[in-house]
C-alpha atoms as a PDB file:
ATOM      1  CA  UNK A   1     148.233 117.027 118.906  1.00  0.00           C
ATOM      2  CA  UNK A   2     149.708 120.022 117.127  1.00  0.00           C
ATOM      3  CA  UNK A   3     147.566 123.126 116.452  1.00  0.00           C
ATOM      4  CA  UNK A   4     147.549 122.321 112.723  1.00  0.00           C
ATOM      5  CA  UNK A   5     146.356 118.761 113.322  1.00  0.00           C
ATOM      6  CA  UNK A   6     143.697 120.056 115.728  1.00  0.00           C
ATOM      7  CA  UNK A   7     142.502 122.542 113.096  1.00  0.00           C
ATOM      8  CA  UNK A   8     142.255 119.835 110.420  1.00  0.00           C
ATOM      9  CA  UNK A   9     140.429 117.458 112.771  1.00  0.00           C
ATOM     10  CA  UNK A  10     137.906 120.112 113.818  1.00  0.00           C
ATOM     11  CA  UNK A  11     137.274 120.947 110.164  1.00  0.00           C
ATOM     12  CA  UNK A  12     136.632 117.297 109.284  1.00  0.00           C
ATOM     13  CA  UNK A  13     134.314 116.883 112.271  1.00  0.00           C
ATOM     14  CA  UNK A  14     132.274 119.893 111.153  1.00  0.00           C
ATOM     15  CA  UNK A  15     132.005 118.424 107.661  1.00  0.00           C
ATOM     16  CA  UNK A  16     130.838 115.071 109.055  1.00  0.00           C
ATOM     17  CA  UNK A  17     128.212 116.840 111.161  1.00  0.00           C
ATOM     18  CA  UNK A  18     126.957 118.744 108.134  1.00  0.00           C
ATOM     19  CA  UNK A  19     126.791 115.590 105.991  1.00  0.00           C
ATOM     20  CA  UNK A  20     124.868 113.767 108.729  1.00  0.00           C
ATOM     21  CA  UNK A  21     122.390 116.627 108.908  1.00  0.00           C
ATOM     22  CA  UNK A  22     121.850 116.435 105.144  1.00  0.00           C
ATOM     23  CA  UNK A  23     121.382 112.666 105.365  1.00  0.00           C
ATOM     24  CA  UNK A  24     118.727 113.122 108.044  1.00  0.00           C
ATOM     25  CA  UNK A  25     116.826 115.483 105.729  1.00  0.00           C
ATOM     26  CA  UNK A  26     117.017 112.951 102.890  1.00  0.00           C
ATOM     27  CA  UNK A  27     115.939 110.096 105.182  1.00  0.00           C
ATOM     28  CA  UNK A  28     112.937 112.073 106.380  1.00  0.00           C
ATOM     29  CA  UNK A  29     111.955 112.861 102.803  1.00  0.00           C
ATOM     30  CA  UNK A  30     112.158 109.153 101.914  1.00  0.00           C
ATOM     31  CA  UNK A  31     109.876 108.343 104.845  1.00  0.00           C
ATOM     32  CA  UNK A  32     107.356 110.959 103.686  1.00  0.00           C
ATOM     33  CA  UNK A  33     107.384 109.552 100.142  1.00  0.00           C
ATOM     34  CA  UNK A  34     106.993 105.989 101.403  1.00  0.00           C
ATOM     35  CA  UNK A  35     104.101 106.808 103.705  1.00  0.00           C
ATOM     36  CA  UNK A  36     102.131 108.715 101.078  1.00  0.00           C
ATOM     37  CA  UNK A  37     102.863 106.660  97.956  1.00  0.00           C
ATOM     38  CA  UNK A  38     100.619 103.605  97.595  1.00  0.00           C
ATOM     39  CA  UNK A  39     103.102 101.943  95.226  1.00  0.00           C
ATOM     40  CA  UNK A  40     105.859 102.103  97.844  1.00  0.00           C
ATOM     41  CA  UNK A  41     103.538 100.643 100.467  1.00  0.00           C
ATOM     42  CA  UNK A  42     102.663  97.791  98.095  1.00  0.00           C
ATOM     43  CA  UNK A  43     106.316  96.940  97.505  1.00  0.00           C
ATOM     44  CA  UNK A  44     107.043  97.063 101.233  1.00  0.00           C
ATOM     45  CA  UNK A  45     104.850  93.985 101.676  1.00  0.00           C
ATOM     46  CA  UNK A  46     107.608  91.992  99.954  1.00  0.00           C
ATOM     47  CA  UNK A  47     109.910  90.282 102.475  1.00  0.00           C
ATOM     48  CA  UNK A  48     113.206  92.092 102.915  1.00  0.00           C
ATOM     49  CA  UNK A  49     111.993  95.234 101.126  1.00  0.00           C
ATOM     50  CA  UNK A  50     112.165  98.326 103.338  1.00  0.00           C
ATOM     51  CA  UNK A  51     110.847 101.745 102.367  1.00  0.00           C
ATOM     52  CA  UNK A  52     114.340 102.659 101.120  1.00  0.00           C
ATOM     53  CA  UNK A  53     114.500  99.623  98.810  1.00  0.00           C
ATOM     54  CA  UNK A  54     110.950 100.246  97.584  1.00  0.00           C
ATOM     55  CA  UNK A  55     111.609 103.918  96.772  1.00  0.00           C
ATOM     56  CA  UNK A  56     114.905 103.009  95.089  1.00  0.00           C
ATOM     57  CA  UNK A  57     113.264 100.336  92.933  1.00  0.00           C
ATOM     58  CA  UNK A  58     110.475 102.677  91.825  1.00  0.00           C
ATOM     59  CA  UNK A  59     112.964 105.433  91.053  1.00  0.00           C
ATOM     60  CA  UNK A  60     115.026 103.044  88.932  1.00  0.00           C
ATOM     61  CA  UNK A  61     112.245 101.453  86.859  1.00  0.00           C
ATOM     62  CA  UNK A  62     109.901 104.441  86.606  1.00  0.00           C
ATOM     63  CA  UNK A  63     106.572 103.751  84.924  1.00  0.00           C
ATOM     64  CA  UNK A  64     105.942  99.988  84.915  1.00  0.00           C
ATOM     65  CA  UNK A  65     103.813 100.342  81.786  1.00  0.00           C
ATOM     66  CA  UNK A  66     107.094 100.671  79.878  1.00  0.00           C
ATOM     67  CA  UNK A  67     107.669  96.943  80.378  1.00  0.00           C
ATOM     68  CA  UNK A  68     105.483  94.223  78.913  1.00  0.00           C
ATOM     69  CA  UNK A  69     106.333  91.879  81.805  1.00  0.00           C
ATOM     70  CA  UNK A  70     108.490  91.524  84.886  1.00  0.00           C
ATOM     71  CA  UNK A  71     111.325  89.835  83.006  1.00  0.00           C
ATOM     72  CA  UNK A  72     111.817  92.955  80.889  1.00  0.00           C
ATOM     73  CA  UNK A  73     111.920  95.060  84.065  1.00  0.00           C
ATOM     74  CA  UNK A  74     114.593  92.734  85.503  1.00  0.00           C
ATOM     75  CA  UNK A  75     116.528  92.959  82.241  1.00  0.00           C
ATOM     76  CA  UNK A  76     116.365  96.761  82.415  1.00  0.00           C
ATOM     77  CA  UNK A  77     118.046  96.591  85.819  1.00  0.00           C
ATOM     78  CA  UNK A  78     120.784  94.287  84.526  1.00  0.00           C
ATOM     79  CA  UNK A  79     119.692  91.239  86.520  1.00  0.00           C
ATOM     80  CA  UNK A  80     119.459  88.773  83.633  1.00  0.00           C
ATOM     81  CA  UNK A  81     122.353  86.550  82.456  1.00  0.00           C
ATOM     82  CA  UNK A  82     124.368  87.746  79.490  1.00  0.00           C
ATOM     83  CA  UNK A  83     124.171  85.571  76.380  1.00  0.00           C
ATOM     84  CA  UNK A  84     126.736  84.787  73.699  1.00  0.00           C
ATOM     85  CA  UNK A  85     125.873  82.866  70.569  1.00  0.00           C
ATOM     86  CA  UNK A  86     128.311  80.933  68.417  1.00  0.00           C
ATOM     87  CA  UNK A  87     126.815  79.047  65.524  1.00  0.00           C
ATOM     88  CA  UNK A  88     123.885  77.015  66.811  1.00  0.00           C
ATOM     89  CA  UNK A  89     125.014  77.191  70.425  1.00  0.00           C
ATOM     90  CA  UNK A  90     123.998  79.795  72.988  1.00  0.00           C
ATOM     91  CA  UNK A  91     126.101  80.433  76.090  1.00  0.00           C
ATOM     92  CA  UNK A  92     124.889  82.176  79.268  1.00  0.00           C
ATOM     93  CA  UNK A  93     127.311  84.134  81.424  1.00  0.00           C
ATOM     94  CA  UNK A  94     127.194  86.600  84.284  1.00  0.00           C
ATOM     95  CA  UNK A  95     124.451  89.188  84.668  1.00  0.00           C
ATOM     96  CA  UNK A  96     124.625  92.075  82.202  1.00  0.00           C
ATOM     97  CA  UNK A  97     124.921  94.735  84.978  1.00  0.00           C
ATOM     98  CA  UNK A  98     123.130  97.214  82.759  1.00  0.00           C
ATOM     99  CA  UNK A  99     120.825  99.711  84.431  1.00  0.00           C
ATOM    100  CA  UNK A 100     121.060 101.293  87.860  1.00  0.00           C
ATOM    101  CA  UNK A 101     123.875  99.760  89.992  1.00  0.00           C
ATOM    102  CA  UNK A 102     122.548 101.334  93.211  1.00  0.00           C
ATOM    103  CA  UNK A 103     119.181  99.644  92.731  1.00  0.00           C
ATOM    104  CA  UNK A 104     120.887  96.292  92.160  1.00  0.00           C
ATOM    105  CA  UNK A 105     122.825  96.764  95.385  1.00  0.00           C
ATOM    106  CA  UNK A 106     119.635  97.571  97.311  1.00  0.00           C
ATOM    107  CA  UNK A 107     117.937  94.464  95.913  1.00  0.00           C
ATOM    108  CA  UNK A 108     120.847  92.174  96.792  1.00  0.00           C
ATOM    109  CA  UNK A 109     120.810  93.554 100.334  1.00  0.00           C
ATOM    110  CA  UNK A 110     117.088  92.844 100.553  1.00  0.00           C
ATOM    111  CA  UNK A 111     117.704  89.305  99.340  1.00  0.00           C
ATOM    112  CA  UNK A 112     119.956  88.615 102.324  1.00  0.00           C
ATOM    113  CA  UNK A 113     116.779  88.721 104.451  1.00  0.00           C
ATOM    114  CA  UNK A 114     114.524  87.019 101.918  1.00  0.00           C
ATOM    115  CA  UNK A 115     116.803  83.979 101.846  1.00  0.00           C
ATOM    116  CA  UNK A 116     115.659  83.095 105.388  1.00  0.00           C
ATOM    117  CA  UNK A 117     111.947  83.624 104.743  1.00  0.00           C
ATOM    118  CA  UNK A 118     109.779  80.505 105.260  1.00  0.00           C
ATOM    119  CA  UNK A 119     107.604  81.325 102.232  1.00  0.00           C
ATOM    120  CA  UNK A 120     108.035  80.483  98.530  1.00  0.00           C
ATOM    121  CA  UNK A 121     110.745  83.099  97.903  1.00  0.00           C
ATOM    122  CA  UNK A 122     112.924  81.684 100.666  1.00  0.00           C
ATOM    123  CA  UNK A 123     112.263  78.152  99.440  1.00  0.00           C
ATOM    124  CA  UNK A 124     113.273  79.214  95.918  1.00  0.00           C
ATOM    125  CA  UNK A 125     116.611  80.520  97.197  1.00  0.00           C
ATOM    126  CA  UNK A 126     117.376  77.553  99.456  1.00  0.00           C
ATOM    127  CA  UNK A 127     116.714  75.065  96.683  1.00  0.00           C
ATOM    128  CA  UNK A 128     118.840  77.039  94.202  1.00  0.00           C
ATOM    129  CA  UNK A 129     121.794  77.569  96.539  1.00  0.00           C
ATOM    130  CA  UNK A 130     122.196  73.796  96.903  1.00  0.00           C
ATOM    131  CA  UNK A 131     123.424  73.537  93.306  1.00  0.00           C
ATOM    132  CA  UNK A 132     124.621  77.074  92.503  1.00  0.00           C
ATOM    133  CA  UNK A 133     127.140  79.472  94.084  1.00  0.00           C
ATOM    134  CA  UNK A 134     125.595  81.722  96.722  1.00  0.00           C
ATOM    135  CA  UNK A 135     126.047  84.932  94.710  1.00  0.00           C
ATOM    136  CA  UNK A 136     124.361  83.361  91.681  1.00  0.00           C
ATOM    137  CA  UNK A 137     121.419  82.329  93.855  1.00  0.00           C
ATOM    138  CA  UNK A 138     121.175  85.851  95.345  1.00  0.00           C
ATOM    139  CA  UNK A 139     121.076  87.413  91.869  1.00  0.00           C
ATOM    140  CA  UNK A 140     118.419  84.932  90.761  1.00  0.00           C
ATOM    141  CA  UNK A 141     116.399  85.819  93.849  1.00  0.00           C
ATOM    142  CA  UNK A 142     116.794  89.557  93.120  1.00  0.00           C
ATOM    143  CA  UNK A 143     115.549  88.929  89.584  1.00  0.00           C
ATOM    144  CA  UNK A 144     112.517  87.068  90.936  1.00  0.00           C
ATOM    145  CA  UNK A 145     111.833  89.907  93.392  1.00  0.00           C
ATOM    146  CA  UNK A 146     111.672  92.380  90.504  1.00  0.00           C
ATOM    147  CA  UNK A 147     109.337  90.194  88.445  1.00  0.00           C
ATOM    148  CA  UNK A 148     107.007  89.751  91.432  1.00  0.00           C
ATOM    149  CA  UNK A 149     107.196  93.496  92.205  1.00  0.00           C
ATOM    150  CA  UNK A 150     106.161  94.283  88.619  1.00  0.00           C
ATOM    151  CA  UNK A 151     103.198  91.910  88.918  1.00  0.00           C
ATOM    152  CA  UNK A 152     102.131  93.422  92.246  1.00  0.00           C
ATOM    153  CA  UNK A 153     102.246  96.958  90.849  1.00  0.00           C
ATOM    154  CA  UNK A 154     100.399  95.884  87.728  1.00  0.00           C
ATOM    155  CA  UNK A 155      97.578  94.237  89.694  1.00  0.00           C
ATOM    156  CA  UNK A 156      97.727  96.706  92.611  1.00  0.00           C
ATOM    157  CA  UNK A 157      97.905  93.806  95.048  1.00  0.00           C
ATOM    158  CA  UNK A 158     100.158  93.271  98.105  1.00  0.00           C
ATOM    159  CA  UNK A 159     102.386  90.237  98.478  1.00  0.00           C
ATOM    160  CA  UNK A 160     100.348  87.163  99.378  1.00  0.00           C
ATOM    161  CA  UNK A 161     102.872  85.362 101.558  1.00  0.00           C
ATOM    162  CA  UNK A 162     104.185  87.979 103.987  1.00  0.00           C
ATOM    163  CA  UNK A 163     104.502  87.187 107.691  1.00  0.00           C
ATOM    164  CA  UNK A 164     101.782  89.176 109.515  1.00  0.00           C
ATOM    165  CA  UNK A 165     103.841  90.170 112.554  1.00  0.00           C
ATOM    166  CA  UNK A 166     106.847  91.323 110.532  1.00  0.00           C
ATOM    167  CA  UNK A 167     104.544  93.203 108.174  1.00  0.00           C
ATOM    168  CA  UNK A 168     102.817  95.014 111.030  1.00  0.00           C
ATOM    169  CA  UNK A 169     106.201  95.922 112.566  1.00  0.00           C
ATOM    170  CA  UNK A 170     107.518  97.228 109.239  1.00  0.00           C
ATOM    171  CA  UNK A 171     104.631  99.644 108.793  1.00  0.00           C
ATOM    172  CA  UNK A 172     104.637 100.566 112.483  1.00  0.00           C
ATOM    173  CA  UNK A 173     108.299 101.552 112.223  1.00  0.00           C
ATOM    174  CA  UNK A 174     107.529 103.612 109.130  1.00  0.00           C
ATOM    175  CA  UNK A 175     104.754 105.495 110.929  1.00  0.00           C
ATOM    176  CA  UNK A 176     106.991 105.955 113.953  1.00  0.00           C
ATOM    177  CA  UNK A 177     109.711 107.537 111.835  1.00  0.00           C
ATOM    178  CA  UNK A 178     107.146 109.726 110.126  1.00  0.00           C
ATOM    179  CA  UNK A 179     105.697 111.013 113.386  1.00  0.00           C
ATOM    180  CA  UNK A 180     109.065 111.047 115.154  1.00  0.00           C
ATOM    181  CA  UNK A 181     107.610 109.603 118.321  1.00  0.00           C
ATOM    182  CA  UNK A 182     108.106 106.276 120.074  1.00  0.00           C
ATOM    183  CA  UNK A 183     104.746 104.567 120.200  1.00  0.00           C
ATOM    184  CA  UNK A 184     102.952 101.658 118.543  1.00  0.00           C
ATOM    185  CA  UNK A 185     100.076 102.053 116.129  1.00  0.00           C
ATOM    186  CA  UNK A 186      96.778 100.164 116.553  1.00  0.00           C
ATOM    187  CA  UNK A 187      97.586  97.884 113.628  1.00  0.00           C
ATOM    188  CA  UNK A 188     100.681  96.510 115.342  1.00  0.00           C
ATOM    189  CA  UNK A 189      98.817  95.975 118.618  1.00  0.00           C
ATOM    190  CA  UNK A 190      96.023  94.053 116.921  1.00  0.00           C
ATOM    191  CA  UNK A 191      98.480  92.013 114.897  1.00  0.00           C
ATOM    192  CA  UNK A 192     100.300  91.141 118.065  1.00  0.00           C
ATOM    193  CA  UNK A 193      97.065  89.733 119.432  1.00  0.00           C
ATOM    194  CA  UNK A 194      97.119  87.123 116.667  1.00  0.00           C
ATOM    195  CA  UNK A 195      95.428  88.397 113.510  1.00  0.00           C
ATOM    196  CA  UNK A 196      96.138  86.726 110.179  1.00  0.00           C
ATOM    197  CA  UNK A 197      97.675  88.392 107.141  1.00  0.00           C
ATOM    198  CA  UNK A 198      94.323  89.572 105.764  1.00  0.00           C
ATOM    199  CA  UNK A 199      93.484  91.430 108.985  1.00  0.00           C
ATOM    200  CA  UNK A 200      96.936  93.049 109.100  1.00  0.00           C
ATOM    201  CA  UNK A 201      96.606  94.241 105.503  1.00  0.00           C
ATOM    202  CA  UNK A 202      93.159  95.653 106.305  1.00  0.00           C
ATOM    203  CA  UNK A 203      94.653  97.624 109.199  1.00  0.00           C
ATOM    204  CA  UNK A 204      97.510  98.912 107.056  1.00  0.00           C
ATOM    205  CA  UNK A 205      95.020 100.189 104.493  1.00  0.00           C
ATOM    206  CA  UNK A 206      94.952  97.715 101.614  1.00  0.00           C
ATOM    207  CA  UNK A 207      91.260  97.728 100.771  1.00  0.00           C
ATOM    208  CA  UNK A 208      91.193  94.612  98.595  1.00  0.00           C
ATOM    209  CA  UNK A 209      91.443  91.810 101.129  1.00  0.00           C
ATOM    210  CA  UNK A 210      93.379  88.704 100.188  1.00  0.00           C
ATOM    211  CA  UNK A 211      92.264  85.147 100.753  1.00  0.00           C
ATOM    212  CA  UNK A 212      93.692  81.750 100.028  1.00  0.00           C
ATOM    213  CA  UNK A 213      90.856  81.155  97.565  1.00  0.00           C
ATOM    214  CA  UNK A 214      92.316  83.870  95.311  1.00  0.00           C
ATOM    215  CA  UNK A 215      95.513  81.903  94.701  1.00  0.00           C
ATOM    216  CA  UNK A 216      95.513  80.559  91.090  1.00  0.00           C
ATOM    217  CA  UNK A 217      95.787  76.820  90.555  1.00  0.00           C
ATOM    218  CA  UNK A 218      99.258  77.089  89.011  1.00  0.00           C
ATOM    219  CA  UNK A 219     100.532  79.118  91.942  1.00  0.00           C
ATOM    220  CA  UNK A 220      98.951  76.649  94.366  1.00  0.00           C
ATOM    221  CA  UNK A 221     100.823  73.797  92.685  1.00  0.00           C
ATOM    222  CA  UNK A 222     104.044  75.802  93.037  1.00  0.00           C
ATOM    223  CA  UNK A 223     103.429  76.220  96.770  1.00  0.00           C
ATOM    224  CA  UNK A 224     102.884  72.475  97.162  1.00  0.00           C
ATOM    225  CA  UNK A 225     106.048  71.676  95.171  1.00  0.00           C
ATOM    226  CA  UNK A 226     108.114  74.046  97.336  1.00  0.00           C
ATOM    227  CA  UNK A 227     106.610  72.461 100.474  1.00  0.00           C
ATOM    228  CA  UNK A 228     105.378  75.791 101.881  1.00  0.00           C
ATOM    229  CA  UNK A 229     101.626  75.197 101.719  1.00  0.00           C
ATOM    230  CA  UNK A 230     101.373  74.674 105.482  1.00  0.00           C
ATOM    231  CA  UNK A 231     103.086  78.035 106.080  1.00  0.00           C
ATOM    232  CA  UNK A 232     100.690  79.767 103.653  1.00  0.00           C
ATOM    233  CA  UNK A 233      97.611  78.236 105.283  1.00  0.00           C
ATOM    234  CA  UNK A 234      98.803  79.527 108.664  1.00  0.00           C
ATOM    235  CA  UNK A 235      99.091  83.059 107.226  1.00  0.00           C
ATOM    236  CA  UNK A 236      95.380  83.172 106.452  1.00  0.00           C
ATOM    237  CA  UNK A 237      94.240  81.416 109.612  1.00  0.00           C
ATOM    238  CA  UNK A 238      93.910  83.921 112.490  1.00  0.00           C
ATOM    239  CA  UNK A 239      95.071  82.676 115.862  1.00  0.00           C
ATOM    240  CA  UNK A 240      92.152  82.073 118.165  1.00  0.00           C
ATOM    241  CA  UNK A 241      92.390  84.117 121.325  1.00  0.00           C
ATOM    242  CA  UNK A 242      91.345  82.588 124.621  1.00  0.00           C
ATOM    243  CA  UNK A 243      88.626  84.567 126.365  1.00  0.00           C
ATOM    244  CA  UNK A 244      89.185  84.648 130.080  1.00  0.00           C
ATOM    245  CA  UNK A 245      86.264  85.458 132.289  1.00  0.00           C
ATOM    246  CA  UNK A 246      86.472  87.262 135.610  1.00  0.00           C
ATOM    247  CA  UNK A 247      84.359  86.233 138.534  1.00  0.00           C
ATOM    248  CA  UNK A 248      82.924  89.119 140.519  1.00  0.00           C
ATOM    249  CA  UNK A 249      83.373  88.793 144.177  1.00  0.00           C
END
């Protein structure tokens, strides 16, 4: 390598190091925001939504009171189909792509994980992808994520159908990044012992406990239609732990 090439390479390496240092500062700030903002913690209960996705979504939509419902929030982010009217006919095309493109990208990345979820969101995607192209199904799932997120923020209620173990791990990882130390929090340990979703949410800090009795009749019918009712019942049924007794000798 010539001296000139060596000089250019060293300069580029120093720039990369500096950029990485700046990214670490930004990442740490995102973790601090996520840990101390109750709205971010609410959105993190959605499957596939990390603290980065939650912060990005909140930054993009701002005050949810600006929107009368979740569909308007999804429209603001450009996740609704475009429409074209000719005479008495109305044609639907691709999504409008209005709004924040970075937020749309974050949501589509989140949807890659949601598509495999055993709950109603995953069932929605798997049923849609059977008759629609995959990218169309992903965008429809992203739109549904935004509408549900708006409803959760409006009612100040976590997602009802999260997997307890994954939820405990998500918040454990957030705390670990915040404290910059490698250890588990009590909530993750208790969840690992077999607590249901309600117990995990209590440990995380959501004061209003959820129960299956709170699910509206219309939503219950939706769960039955999507064939996920058994999964939901398991979420709210803590695993019984065997008590072993020791004999003193």
